[in-house]
Amino acid sequence: MDGNKSNDTSRDIKKTVSEAYGKIAKESEICCGPSCCDTNEADGKNYLQKIGYTEAEIKSIPEEANLSLGCGNPTGIAELNEGEVVLDLGSGAGVDCLLAAAKVGEKGRVIGVDMTPEMIAKARKNAEKHNYSNVEFRLGEIENLPLADNSVDVVISNCVINLSADKSRVFEEIYRVLKPGGRISISDIALSEELPKEIKNLDKAYVSCIAGAILIEEYDRIVTDRGFKEVMIIDKENSACVDSFTNDPVAKEVIENLNNLDESLVEKLKDQVVSIDVKGKK
């Protein structure tokens, strides 16, 4: 398995992912808290703390930007500097972009790219409402980034690259837009062992960061083959993505489907799906 799928399958997955996250963005506008109406502000903050955000960072994040969809804190490991240009892949409602904007300051710039129009609209609204003048959001796909070559200092991403059916292309694009010496700081989902075919063949599992995940060794190979140096992958051994299933309306549907196949499949995922941090340099 090389992290890539056929063009037809890739289009189907993109459609599934875009529709699901568009729905989450719309629901968050009309209901009571992060991600869906079954959660509240306290749950959202607890979730951020669980995946690695500091108390100070959590306090600085606008409530409406936290949809509890990440699996780590890429800005926390990026060592961002004032004046840098940062690109966030799959920026969602903008939570990591807003954190990065504060770290790079007025002389820096943050660009968020997301393929879901509803998420882009929500992120722009959040940035405008909270007066972030050094942040912009662009509609686009992470396999075909709407940025020039050699234009950013740092690329961050939070539990998004696993959703792509062509991960090699994603890292090729990341390498293209990074300046020489630029770096990556990515939080993502990977596998400690191969998933059962019942899960891998469930397209909607892509939205819950399961079926799109690849083995840690394969992830390392893809990043290295695309030309990155000093690649380091930290296995955090467990996955908040799996632990938080019941907070995500899409994940609930996945669980129901899996339980209809075999109730033990969900329990197995907790050992097979892990959160990772990925760092490297161009």
C-alpha atoms as a PDB file:
ATOM      1  CA  MET A   1       0.000   0.000   0.000  1.00  0.00           C
ATOM      2  CA  ASP A   2       1.549   3.311  -1.029  1.00  0.00           C
ATOM      3  CA  GLY A   3      -1.013   5.745   0.325  1.00  0.00           C
ATOM      4  CA  ASN A   4      -2.530   6.380  -3.113  1.00  0.00           C
ATOM      5  CA  LYS A   5      -5.781   5.278  -4.763  1.00  0.00           C
ATOM      6  CA  SER A   6      -7.257   5.404  -8.263  1.00  0.00           C
ATOM      7  CA  ASN A   7      -8.521   8.706  -9.655  1.00  0.00           C
ATOM      8  CA  ASP A   8     -12.172   7.632  -9.436  1.00  0.00           C
ATOM      9  CA  THR A   9     -11.775   6.483  -5.833  1.00  0.00           C
ATOM     10  CA  SER A  10      -9.879   9.656  -4.982  1.00  0.00           C
ATOM     11  CA  ARG A  11     -12.714  11.806  -6.327  1.00  0.00           C
ATOM     12  CA  ASP A  12     -15.256   9.789  -4.354  1.00  0.00           C
ATOM     13  CA  ILE A  13     -13.246  10.194  -1.156  1.00  0.00           C
ATOM     14  CA  LYS A  14     -12.847  13.947  -1.684  1.00  0.00           C
ATOM     15  CA  LYS A  15     -16.576  14.274  -2.223  1.00  0.00           C
ATOM     16  CA  THR A  16     -17.306  12.286   0.942  1.00  0.00           C
ATOM     17  CA  VAL A  17     -14.822  14.281   3.014  1.00  0.00           C
ATOM     18  CA  SER A  18     -15.943  17.667   1.690  1.00  0.00           C
ATOM     19  CA  GLU A  19     -19.627  16.939   2.258  1.00  0.00           C
ATOM     20  CA  ALA A  20     -19.038  15.641   5.780  1.00  0.00           C
ATOM     21  CA  TYR A  21     -16.879  18.552   6.920  1.00  0.00           C
ATOM     22  CA  GLY A  22     -19.184  21.014   5.204  1.00  0.00           C
ATOM     23  CA  LYS A  23     -21.996  19.585   7.297  1.00  0.00           C
ATOM     24  CA  ILE A  24     -19.937  19.929  10.482  1.00  0.00           C
ATOM     25  CA  ALA A  25     -19.161  23.565   9.642  1.00  0.00           C
ATOM     26  CA  LYS A  26     -22.839  24.341   9.041  1.00  0.00           C
ATOM     27  CA  GLU A  27     -23.990  22.578  12.220  1.00  0.00           C
ATOM     28  CA  SER A  28     -21.452  24.444  14.329  1.00  0.00           C
ATOM     29  CA  GLU A  29     -23.004  27.721  13.185  1.00  0.00           C
ATOM     30  CA  ILE A  30     -26.448  26.857  14.515  1.00  0.00           C
ATOM     31  CA  CYS A  31     -25.898  24.586  17.507  1.00  0.00           C
ATOM     32  CA  CYS A  32     -24.473  24.715  20.947  1.00  0.00           C
ATOM     33  CA  GLY A  33     -20.759  23.944  20.815  1.00  0.00           C
ATOM     34  CA  PRO A  34     -17.679  22.569  19.041  1.00  0.00           C
ATOM     35  CA  SER A  35     -18.144  19.826  16.446  1.00  0.00           C
ATOM     36  CA  CYS A  36     -21.842  19.121  17.095  1.00  0.00           C
ATOM     37  CA  CYS A  37     -24.731  19.721  19.443  1.00  0.00           C
ATOM     38  CA  ASP A  38     -23.750  16.762  21.619  1.00  0.00           C
ATOM     39  CA  THR A  39     -20.678  18.635  22.906  1.00  0.00           C
ATOM     40  CA  ASN A  40     -20.213  21.910  24.770  1.00  0.00           C
ATOM     41  CA  GLU A  41     -17.515  24.506  25.352  1.00  0.00           C
ATOM     42  CA  ALA A  42     -15.965  22.587  28.257  1.00  0.00           C
ATOM     43  CA  ASP A  43     -15.794  19.407  26.165  1.00  0.00           C
ATOM     44  CA  GLY A  44     -14.071  21.290  23.367  1.00  0.00           C
ATOM     45  CA  LYS A  45     -11.447  22.735  25.702  1.00  0.00           C
ATOM     46  CA  ASN A  46     -10.863  19.372  27.358  1.00  0.00           C
ATOM     47  CA  TYR A  47     -10.372  17.823  23.941  1.00  0.00           C
ATOM     48  CA  LEU A  48      -7.731  20.416  22.995  1.00  0.00           C
ATOM     49  CA  GLN A  49      -5.903  19.797  26.259  1.00  0.00           C
ATOM     50  CA  LYS A  50      -5.984  16.059  25.624  1.00  0.00           C
ATOM     51  CA  ILE A  51      -4.295  16.380  22.227  1.00  0.00           C
ATOM     52  CA  GLY A  52      -1.531  18.707  23.403  1.00  0.00           C
ATOM     53  CA  TYR A  53      -2.622  22.353  23.545  1.00  0.00           C
ATOM     54  CA  THR A  54      -1.450  24.390  26.522  1.00  0.00           C
ATOM     55  CA  GLU A  55      -3.819  26.169  28.868  1.00  0.00           C
ATOM     56  CA  ALA A  56      -2.637  29.534  27.540  1.00  0.00           C
ATOM     57  CA  GLU A  57      -3.247  28.469  23.937  1.00  0.00           C
ATOM     58  CA  ILE A  58      -6.705  27.134  24.754  1.00  0.00           C
ATOM     59  CA  LYS A  59      -7.672  30.415  26.431  1.00  0.00           C
ATOM     60  CA  SER A  60      -6.577  32.351  23.339  1.00  0.00           C
ATOM     61  CA  ILE A  61      -8.620  30.251  20.889  1.00  0.00           C
ATOM     62  CA  PRO A  62     -12.070  31.615  19.968  1.00  0.00           C
ATOM     63  CA  GLU A  63     -14.710  29.063  20.931  1.00  0.00           C
ATOM     64  CA  GLU A  64     -16.235  29.043  17.460  1.00  0.00           C
ATOM     65  CA  ALA A  65     -12.872  28.087  15.885  1.00  0.00           C
ATOM     66  CA  ASN A  66     -12.591  24.895  17.949  1.00  0.00           C
ATOM     67  CA  LEU A  67     -14.486  22.083  16.229  1.00  0.00           C
ATOM     68  CA  SER A  68     -12.581  19.328  18.102  1.00  0.00           C
ATOM     69  CA  LEU A  69     -11.375  17.722  14.880  1.00  0.00           C
ATOM     70  CA  GLY A  70      -7.581  17.597  15.297  1.00  0.00           C
ATOM     71  CA  CYS A  71      -5.254  14.914  16.663  1.00  0.00           C
ATOM     72  CA  GLY A  72      -2.348  17.034  17.909  1.00  0.00           C
ATOM     73  CA  ASN A  73      -0.901  20.531  18.213  1.00  0.00           C
ATOM     74  CA  PRO A  74       1.321  21.247  15.182  1.00  0.00           C
ATOM     75  CA  THR A  75       1.994  24.856  16.184  1.00  0.00           C
ATOM     76  CA  GLY A  76       3.272  23.618  19.534  1.00  0.00           C
ATOM     77  CA  ILE A  77       6.107  21.649  17.914  1.00  0.00           C
ATOM     78  CA  ALA A  78       6.801  24.006  14.982  1.00  0.00           C
ATOM     79  CA  GLU A  79       9.004  26.489  16.872  1.00  0.00           C
ATOM     80  CA  LEU A  80       7.530  29.357  14.871  1.00  0.00           C
ATOM     81  CA  ASN A  81       9.438  32.621  14.696  1.00  0.00           C
ATOM     82  CA  GLU A  82       8.294  36.200  14.263  1.00  0.00           C
ATOM     83  CA  GLY A  83       8.025  37.217  10.625  1.00  0.00           C
ATOM     84  CA  GLU A  84       7.676  33.714   9.177  1.00  0.00           C
ATOM     85  CA  VAL A  85       5.144  32.685   6.528  1.00  0.00           C
ATOM     86  CA  VAL A  86       3.139  29.643   7.632  1.00  0.00           C
ATOM     87  CA  LEU A  87       0.859  27.410   5.554  1.00  0.00           C
ATOM     88  CA  ASP A  88      -1.815  25.280   7.226  1.00  0.00           C
ATOM     89  CA  LEU A  89      -3.102  22.333   5.179  1.00  0.00           C
ATOM     90  CA  GLY A  90      -6.765  21.589   5.806  1.00  0.00           C
ATOM     91  CA  SER A  91      -7.219  24.643   7.991  1.00  0.00           C
ATOM     92  CA  GLY A  92     -10.862  23.986   8.906  1.00  0.00           C
ATOM     93  CA  ALA A  93     -12.367  26.698  11.079  1.00  0.00           C
ATOM     94  CA  GLY A  94      -8.913  28.223  11.575  1.00  0.00           C
ATOM     95  CA  VAL A  95      -7.858  27.189  15.071  1.00  0.00           C
ATOM     96  CA  ASP A  96      -4.196  26.451  14.199  1.00  0.00           C
ATOM     97  CA  CYS A  97      -3.977  29.409  11.834  1.00  0.00           C
ATOM     98  CA  LEU A  98      -5.038  31.785  14.595  1.00  0.00           C
ATOM     99  CA  LEU A  99      -2.504  30.286  17.003  1.00  0.00           C
ATOM    100  CA  ALA A 100       0.229  30.535  14.374  1.00  0.00           C
ATOM    101  CA  ALA A 101      -0.739  34.131  13.590  1.00  0.00           C
ATOM    102  CA  ALA A 102      -0.054  35.148  17.179  1.00  0.00           C
ATOM    103  CA  LYS A 103       3.345  33.438  17.096  1.00  0.00           C
ATOM    104  CA  VAL A 104       4.597  34.966  13.817  1.00  0.00           C
ATOM    105  CA  GLY A 105       3.327  38.444  14.680  1.00  0.00           C
ATOM    106  CA  GLU A 106       2.390  41.363  12.474  1.00  0.00           C
ATOM    107  CA  LYS A 107       5.461  40.902  10.276  1.00  0.00           C
ATOM    108  CA  GLY A 108       4.525  37.296   9.601  1.00  0.00           C
ATOM    109  CA  ARG A 109       1.699  35.773   7.609  1.00  0.00           C
ATOM    110  CA  VAL A 110      -0.451  32.649   7.863  1.00  0.00           C
ATOM    111  CA  ILE A 111      -2.273  31.019   4.951  1.00  0.00           C
ATOM    112  CA  GLY A 112      -4.927  28.371   5.502  1.00  0.00           C
ATOM    113  CA  VAL A 113      -5.987  26.078   2.654  1.00  0.00           C
ATOM    114  CA  ASP A 114      -9.132  23.963   2.795  1.00  0.00           C
ATOM    115  CA  MET A 115     -11.228  22.305   0.087  1.00  0.00           C
ATOM    116  CA  THR A 116     -14.537  22.803   1.896  1.00  0.00           C
ATOM    117  CA  PRO A 117     -16.232  26.138   1.086  1.00  0.00           C
ATOM    118  CA  GLU A 118     -18.207  26.093   4.336  1.00  0.00           C
ATOM    119  CA  MET A 119     -15.015  25.753   6.375  1.00  0.00           C
ATOM    120  CA  ILE A 120     -13.325  28.562   4.456  1.00  0.00           C
ATOM    121  CA  ALA A 121     -16.300  30.832   5.094  1.00  0.00           C
ATOM    122  CA  LYS A 122     -16.302  29.964   8.799  1.00  0.00           C
ATOM    123  CA  ALA A 123     -12.550  30.499   9.144  1.00  0.00           C
ATOM    124  CA  ARG A 124     -12.688  33.888   7.409  1.00  0.00           C
ATOM    125  CA  LYS A 125     -15.523  34.913   9.686  1.00  0.00           C
ATOM    126  CA  ASN A 126     -13.526  33.896  12.767  1.00  0.00           C
ATOM    127  CA  ALA A 127     -10.407  35.765  11.647  1.00  0.00           C
ATOM    128  CA  GLU A 128     -12.380  38.915  10.853  1.00  0.00           C
ATOM    129  CA  LYS A 129     -14.404  38.785  14.068  1.00  0.00           C
ATOM    130  CA  HIS A 130     -11.269  38.520  16.195  1.00  0.00           C
ATOM    131  CA  ASN A 131      -9.188  41.000  14.177  1.00  0.00           C
ATOM    132  CA  TYR A 132      -6.478  38.721  12.804  1.00  0.00           C
ATOM    133  CA  SER A 133      -5.081  40.844   9.991  1.00  0.00           C
ATOM    134  CA  ASN A 134      -2.144  38.559   9.144  1.00  0.00           C
ATOM    135  CA  VAL A 135      -4.256  35.497   8.256  1.00  0.00           C
ATOM    136  CA  GLU A 136      -5.891  34.552   4.971  1.00  0.00           C
ATOM    137  CA  PHE A 137      -7.819  31.478   3.841  1.00  0.00           C
ATOM    138  CA  ARG A 138      -7.790  30.011   0.354  1.00  0.00           C
ATOM    139  CA  LEU A 139     -10.103  27.419  -1.158  1.00  0.00           C
ATOM    140  CA  GLY A 140      -8.053  24.598  -2.607  1.00  0.00           C
ATOM    141  CA  GLU A 141      -6.906  21.004  -2.414  1.00  0.00           C
ATOM    142  CA  ILE A 142      -3.793  19.915  -0.563  1.00  0.00           C
ATOM    143  CA  GLU A 143      -2.778  17.848  -3.604  1.00  0.00           C
ATOM    144  CA  ASN A 144      -2.773  21.033  -5.731  1.00  0.00           C
ATOM    145  CA  LEU A 145      -1.898  23.927  -3.461  1.00  0.00           C
ATOM    146  CA  PRO A 146      -2.870  27.448  -4.583  1.00  0.00           C
ATOM    147  CA  LEU A 147       0.565  28.870  -3.717  1.00  0.00           C
ATOM    148  CA  ALA A 148       3.737  29.778  -5.575  1.00  0.00           C
ATOM    149  CA  ASP A 149       6.961  27.784  -5.459  1.00  0.00           C
ATOM    150  CA  ASN A 150       9.354  28.521  -2.582  1.00  0.00           C
ATOM    151  CA  SER A 151       6.896  30.850  -0.867  1.00  0.00           C
ATOM    152  CA  VAL A 152       6.469  29.626   2.742  1.00  0.00           C
ATOM    153  CA  ASP A 153       8.772  28.992   5.688  1.00  0.00           C
ATOM    154  CA  VAL A 154       6.736  26.383   7.544  1.00  0.00           C
ATOM    155  CA  VAL A 155       3.945  23.950   6.634  1.00  0.00           C
ATOM    156  CA  ILE A 156       1.688  22.725   9.419  1.00  0.00           C
ATOM    157  CA  SER A 157      -1.292  20.374   9.302  1.00  0.00           C
ATOM    158  CA  ASN A 158      -3.561  18.738  11.853  1.00  0.00           C
ATOM    159  CA  CYS A 159      -5.083  15.319  11.152  1.00  0.00           C
ATOM    160  CA  VAL A 160      -5.709  16.066   7.472  1.00  0.00           C
ATOM    161  CA  ILE A 161      -3.065  14.430   5.267  1.00  0.00           C
ATOM    162  CA  ASN A 162      -4.379  11.012   6.295  1.00  0.00           C
ATOM    163  CA  LEU A 163      -7.614  11.965   4.505  1.00  0.00           C
ATOM    164  CA  SER A 164      -5.847  12.271   1.151  1.00  0.00           C
ATOM    165  CA  ALA A 165      -5.882   9.350  -1.255  1.00  0.00           C
ATOM    166  CA  ASP A 166      -2.579  10.582  -2.759  1.00  0.00           C
ATOM    167  CA  LYS A 167      -0.203  11.314   0.086  1.00  0.00           C
ATOM    168  CA  SER A 168       2.869  11.273  -2.154  1.00  0.00           C
ATOM    169  CA  ARG A 169       1.369  14.119  -4.169  1.00  0.00           C
ATOM    170  CA  VAL A 170       0.619  16.048  -0.973  1.00  0.00           C
ATOM    171  CA  PHE A 171       4.231  15.922   0.173  1.00  0.00           C
ATOM    172  CA  GLU A 172       5.421  16.743  -3.330  1.00  0.00           C
ATOM    173  CA  GLU A 173       3.314  19.897  -3.172  1.00  0.00           C
ATOM    174  CA  ILE A 174       4.539  20.713   0.341  1.00  0.00           C
ATOM    175  CA  TYR A 175       8.135  20.438  -0.885  1.00  0.00           C
ATOM    176  CA  ARG A 176       7.354  22.683  -3.857  1.00  0.00           C
ATOM    177  CA  VAL A 177       5.894  25.573  -1.861  1.00  0.00           C
ATOM    178  CA  LEU A 178       8.487  25.489   0.926  1.00  0.00           C
ATOM    179  CA  LYS A 179      11.456  27.821   0.733  1.00  0.00           C
ATOM    180  CA  PRO A 180      14.903  26.192   0.778  1.00  0.00           C
ATOM    181  CA  GLY A 181      15.524  25.232   4.391  1.00  0.00           C
ATOM    182  CA  GLY A 182      11.794  25.382   5.124  1.00  0.00           C
ATOM    183  CA  ARG A 183      10.312  22.858   7.506  1.00  0.00           C
ATOM    184  CA  ILE A 184       7.234  20.769   8.209  1.00  0.00           C
ATOM    185  CA  SER A 185       5.396  20.343  11.516  1.00  0.00           C
ATOM    186  CA  ILE A 186       2.535  17.906  11.100  1.00  0.00           C
ATOM    187  CA  SER A 187       0.178  16.140  13.469  1.00  0.00           C
ATOM    188  CA  ASP A 188      -1.502  13.179  11.847  1.00  0.00           C
ATOM    189  CA  ILE A 189      -2.880   9.667  12.146  1.00  0.00           C
ATOM    190  CA  ALA A 190      -0.972   6.512  11.185  1.00  0.00           C
ATOM    191  CA  LEU A 191      -1.167   2.767  11.757  1.00  0.00           C
ATOM    192  CA  SER A 192       0.878   0.517  13.993  1.00  0.00           C
ATOM    193  CA  GLU A 193      -0.368  -2.416  11.894  1.00  0.00           C
ATOM    194  CA  GLU A 194      -2.566  -2.933   8.858  1.00  0.00           C
ATOM    195  CA  LEU A 195      -6.310  -2.411   9.270  1.00  0.00           C
ATOM    196  CA  PRO A 196      -8.818  -5.169   8.598  1.00  0.00           C
ATOM    197  CA  LYS A 197     -10.199  -5.009   5.058  1.00  0.00           C
ATOM    198  CA  GLU A 198     -13.710  -4.355   6.443  1.00  0.00           C
ATOM    199  CA  ILE A 199     -12.474  -0.966   7.693  1.00  0.00           C
ATOM    200  CA  LYS A 200     -10.182  -0.078   4.785  1.00  0.00           C
ATOM    201  CA  ASN A 201     -13.051  -0.588   2.344  1.00  0.00           C
ATOM    202  CA  LEU A 202     -15.418   1.669   4.266  1.00  0.00           C
ATOM    203  CA  ASP A 203     -15.075   4.993   2.422  1.00  0.00           C
ATOM    204  CA  LYS A 204     -16.814   7.014   5.117  1.00  0.00           C
ATOM    205  CA  ALA A 205     -14.138   5.912   7.560  1.00  0.00           C
ATOM    206  CA  TYR A 206     -11.873   8.383   5.732  1.00  0.00           C
ATOM    207  CA  VAL A 207     -13.775  11.225   7.347  1.00  0.00           C
ATOM    208  CA  SER A 208     -13.002   9.860  10.784  1.00  0.00           C
ATOM    209  CA  CYS A 209      -9.269   9.544  10.050  1.00  0.00           C
ATOM    210  CA  ILE A 210      -9.225   5.765   9.902  1.00  0.00           C
ATOM    211  CA  ALA A 211      -9.286   4.140   6.475  1.00  0.00           C
ATOM    212  CA  GLY A 212      -6.953   6.746   4.981  1.00  0.00           C
ATOM    213  CA  ALA A 213      -4.217   6.129   7.527  1.00  0.00           C
ATOM    214  CA  ILE A 214      -1.094   4.243   6.449  1.00  0.00           C
ATOM    215  CA  LEU A 215       1.617   2.382   8.343  1.00  0.00           C
ATOM    216  CA  ILE A 216       4.134   4.570  10.181  1.00  0.00           C
ATOM    217  CA  GLU A 217       6.987   3.073   8.139  1.00  0.00           C
ATOM    218  CA  GLU A 218       5.173   3.887   4.897  1.00  0.00           C
ATOM    219  CA  TYR A 219       4.529   7.446   6.065  1.00  0.00           C
ATOM    220  CA  ASP A 220       8.250   7.851   6.761  1.00  0.00           C
ATOM    221  CA  ARG A 221       9.147   6.461   3.325  1.00  0.00           C
ATOM    222  CA  ILE A 222       6.798   8.828   1.497  1.00  0.00           C
ATOM    223  CA  VAL A 223       8.138  11.907   3.278  1.00  0.00           C
ATOM    224  CA  THR A 224      11.757  10.858   2.723  1.00  0.00           C
ATOM    225  CA  ASP A 225      11.200   9.935  -0.925  1.00  0.00           C
ATOM    226  CA  ARG A 226       9.777  13.386  -1.604  1.00  0.00           C
ATOM    227  CA  GLY A 227      13.158  14.861  -0.659  1.00  0.00           C
ATOM    228  CA  PHE A 228      12.766  15.894   2.975  1.00  0.00           C
ATOM    229  CA  LYS A 229      15.756  15.630   5.287  1.00  0.00           C
ATOM    230  CA  GLU A 230      16.078  15.148   9.037  1.00  0.00           C
ATOM    231  CA  VAL A 231      12.701  13.425   9.027  1.00  0.00           C
ATOM    232  CA  MET A 232      11.469  12.525  12.491  1.00  0.00           C
ATOM    233  CA  ILE A 233       8.199  10.755  13.268  1.00  0.00           C
ATOM    234  CA  ILE A 234       7.098  10.605  16.889  1.00  0.00           C
ATOM    235  CA  ASP A 235       4.616   7.853  17.680  1.00  0.00           C
ATOM    236  CA  LYS A 236       2.330   9.033  20.489  1.00  0.00           C
ATOM    237  CA  GLU A 237       1.007   5.460  20.864  1.00  0.00           C
ATOM    238  CA  ASN A 238      -2.690   6.315  21.117  1.00  0.00           C
ATOM    239  CA  SER A 239      -5.161   8.254  19.048  1.00  0.00           C
ATOM    240  CA  ALA A 240      -7.490  10.918  20.325  1.00  0.00           C
ATOM    241  CA  CYS A 241      -9.256  10.495  16.996  1.00  0.00           C
ATOM    242  CA  VAL A 242     -10.435   7.048  17.984  1.00  0.00           C
ATOM    243  CA  ASP A 243     -11.011   7.913  21.632  1.00  0.00           C
ATOM    244  CA  SER A 244     -13.252  10.840  20.652  1.00  0.00           C
ATOM    245  CA  PHE A 245     -15.436   8.844  18.242  1.00  0.00           C
ATOM    246  CA  THR A 246     -18.679   9.568  20.026  1.00  0.00           C
ATOM    247  CA  ASN A 247     -18.153  13.338  19.822  1.00  0.00           C
ATOM    248  CA  ASP A 248     -18.158  13.301  16.023  1.00  0.00           C
ATOM    249  CA  PRO A 249     -21.481  12.777  14.232  1.00  0.00           C
ATOM    250  CA  VAL A 250     -19.743  11.260  11.206  1.00  0.00           C
ATOM    251  CA  ALA A 251     -17.743   8.898  13.416  1.00  0.00           C
ATOM    252  CA  LYS A 252     -20.960   7.678  14.996  1.00  0.00           C
ATOM    253  CA  GLU A 253     -22.094   6.492  11.593  1.00  0.00           C
ATOM    254  CA  VAL A 254     -18.761   4.726  11.076  1.00  0.00           C
ATOM    255  CA  ILE A 255     -19.034   2.971  14.443  1.00  0.00           C
ATOM    256  CA  GLU A 256     -22.551   1.833  13.645  1.00  0.00           C
ATOM    257  CA  ASN A 257     -21.390   0.363  10.342  1.00  0.00           C
ATOM    258  CA  LEU A 258     -18.429  -1.371  11.968  1.00  0.00           C
ATOM    259  CA  ASN A 259     -20.510  -2.769  14.789  1.00  0.00           C
ATOM    260  CA  ASN A 260     -22.905  -4.197  12.233  1.00  0.00           C
ATOM    261  CA  LEU A 261     -19.927  -6.090  10.825  1.00  0.00           C
ATOM    262  CA  ASP A 262     -18.208  -7.070  14.063  1.00  0.00           C
ATOM    263  CA  GLU A 263     -18.388  -5.294  17.411  1.00  0.00           C
ATOM    264  CA  SER A 264     -14.762  -6.153  18.138  1.00  0.00           C
ATOM    265  CA  LEU A 265     -13.526  -4.033  15.190  1.00  0.00           C
ATOM    266  CA  VAL A 266     -13.937  -0.738  17.060  1.00  0.00           C
ATOM    267  CA  GLU A 267     -11.921  -2.023  20.029  1.00  0.00           C
ATOM    268  CA  LYS A 268      -9.153  -3.221  17.722  1.00  0.00           C
ATOM    269  CA  LEU A 269      -8.831   0.284  16.269  1.00  0.00           C
ATOM    270  CA  LYS A 270      -7.631   1.662  19.591  1.00  0.00           C
ATOM    271  CA  ASP A 271      -4.460  -0.425  19.255  1.00  0.00           C
ATOM    272  CA  GLN A 272      -4.000  -0.012  15.515  1.00  0.00           C
ATOM    273  CA  VAL A 273      -4.620   3.724  14.960  1.00  0.00           C
ATOM    274  CA  VAL A 274      -2.077   6.085  16.540  1.00  0.00           C
ATOM    275  CA  SER A 275      -1.388   9.820  16.562  1.00  0.00           C
ATOM    276  CA  ILE A 276       1.988  10.955  15.230  1.00  0.00           C
ATOM    277  CA  ASP A 277       4.007  14.160  14.979  1.00  0.00           C
ATOM    278  CA  VAL A 278       6.088  14.566  11.822  1.00  0.00           C
ATOM    279  CA  LYS A 279       8.991  16.978  11.402  1.00  0.00           C
ATOM    280  CA  GLY A 280      11.478  17.505   8.591  1.00  0.00           C
ATOM    281  CA  LYS A 281      13.288  20.071   6.440  1.00  0.00           C
ATOM    282  CA  LYS A 282      13.534  20.873   2.742  1.00  0.00           C
END
